[in-house]
Amino acid sequence: MNNIRRERARSLRFVQIVFATLALISLTAALAVSTRGTDLGLPEGATYPISLAFLLVGVVDTVLLYAWEHIFARIDY
């Protein structure tokens, strides 16, 4: 029973790290595109939708992180 709890905690930690990393990468990409989009070769009209998409992906990753923690909190071994 101890092994299951240990693996469950390890799995939860791994998922937290993955979702948090993806959210940070998405937010960094949104910031980079919104501030330096034209320097990266993007048309000026495309920087807003692209940065908004990256921002929304970061928000969704954060929501999924909290949802995953809520699901794991309800499972009891």
Protein backbone atom coordinates (compact mmCIF):
# COMPACT_ATOMS: atom_id res chain seq x y z
CA MET A 1 0.00 0.00 0.00
CA ASN A 2 2.92 2.30 0.70
CA ASN A 3 4.27 1.75 -2.82
CA ILE A 4 0.98 2.86 -4.36
CA ARG A 5 0.95 6.08 -2.34
CA ARG A 6 4.55 6.80 -3.19
CA GLU A 7 3.96 6.22 -6.92
CA ARG A 8 0.79 8.30 -6.77
CA ALA A 9 2.68 11.20 -5.19
CA ARG A 10 5.47 10.86 -7.74
CA SER A 11 2.99 10.81 -10.62
CA LEU A 12 1.18 13.85 -9.28
CA ARG A 13 4.45 15.74 -8.93
CA PHE A 14 5.46 14.83 -12.48
CA VAL A 15 2.14 16.03 -13.91
CA GLN A 16 2.39 19.26 -11.91
CA ILE A 17 5.86 19.94 -13.29
CA VAL A 18 4.83 19.18 -16.88
CA PHE A 19 1.71 21.37 -16.83
CA ALA A 20 3.48 24.22 -15.03
CA THR A 21 6.36 24.09 -17.51
CA LEU A 22 3.98 24.12 -20.47
CA ALA A 23 2.08 27.06 -19.00
CA LEU A 24 5.28 29.04 -18.43
CA ILE A 25 6.53 28.30 -21.94
CA SER A 26 3.20 29.40 -23.40
CA LEU A 27 3.17 32.62 -21.41
CA THR A 28 6.77 33.34 -22.39
CA ALA A 29 5.92 32.74 -26.04
CA ALA A 30 2.91 35.07 -25.74
CA LEU A 31 5.11 37.79 -24.29
CA ALA A 32 7.78 37.27 -26.95
CA VAL A 33 5.30 37.39 -29.80
CA SER A 34 3.46 40.42 -28.45
CA THR A 35 6.62 42.45 -27.88
CA ARG A 36 8.93 41.19 -30.65
CA GLY A 37 6.55 39.64 -33.17
CA THR A 38 7.56 41.91 -36.03
CA ASP A 39 11.24 41.30 -35.26
CA LEU A 40 10.55 37.57 -35.55
CA GLY A 41 9.20 38.08 -39.06
CA LEU A 42 5.49 37.98 -38.28
CA PRO A 43 3.11 40.40 -39.95
CA GLU A 44 2.00 43.17 -37.60
CA GLY A 45 -1.65 42.13 -37.82
CA ALA A 46 -0.84 38.56 -36.81
CA THR A 47 0.99 39.29 -33.57
CA TYR A 48 -2.15 39.94 -31.51
CA PRO A 49 -4.03 36.71 -32.40
CA ILE A 50 -0.90 34.60 -32.03
CA SER A 51 -0.01 36.06 -28.63
CA LEU A 52 -3.64 35.70 -27.52
CA ALA A 53 -3.57 32.03 -28.55
CA PHE A 54 -0.39 31.42 -26.54
CA LEU A 55 -1.94 33.23 -23.59
CA LEU A 56 -5.08 31.08 -23.77
CA VAL A 57 -2.98 27.90 -23.95
CA GLY A 58 -1.14 29.00 -20.80
CA VAL A 59 -4.44 29.63 -19.02
CA VAL A 60 -5.84 26.26 -20.11
CA ASP A 61 -2.67 24.52 -18.91
CA THR A 62 -3.07 26.18 -15.51
CA VAL A 63 -6.72 25.17 -15.30
CA LEU A 64 -5.80 21.59 -16.22
CA LEU A 65 -3.16 21.60 -13.51
CA TYR A 66 -5.74 22.49 -10.87
CA ALA A 67 -8.27 20.03 -12.32
CA TRP A 68 -5.69 17.23 -12.21
CA GLU A 69 -4.91 18.03 -8.57
CA HIS A 70 -8.62 17.98 -7.78
CA ILE A 71 -9.02 14.58 -9.46
CA PHE A 72 -6.03 13.16 -7.59
CA ALA A 73 -7.35 14.52 -4.28
CA ARG A 74 -10.58 12.55 -4.72
CA ILE A 75 -8.84 9.20 -5.40
CA ASP A 76 -8.01 7.28 -2.26
CA TYR A 77 -5.98 4.09 -2.22
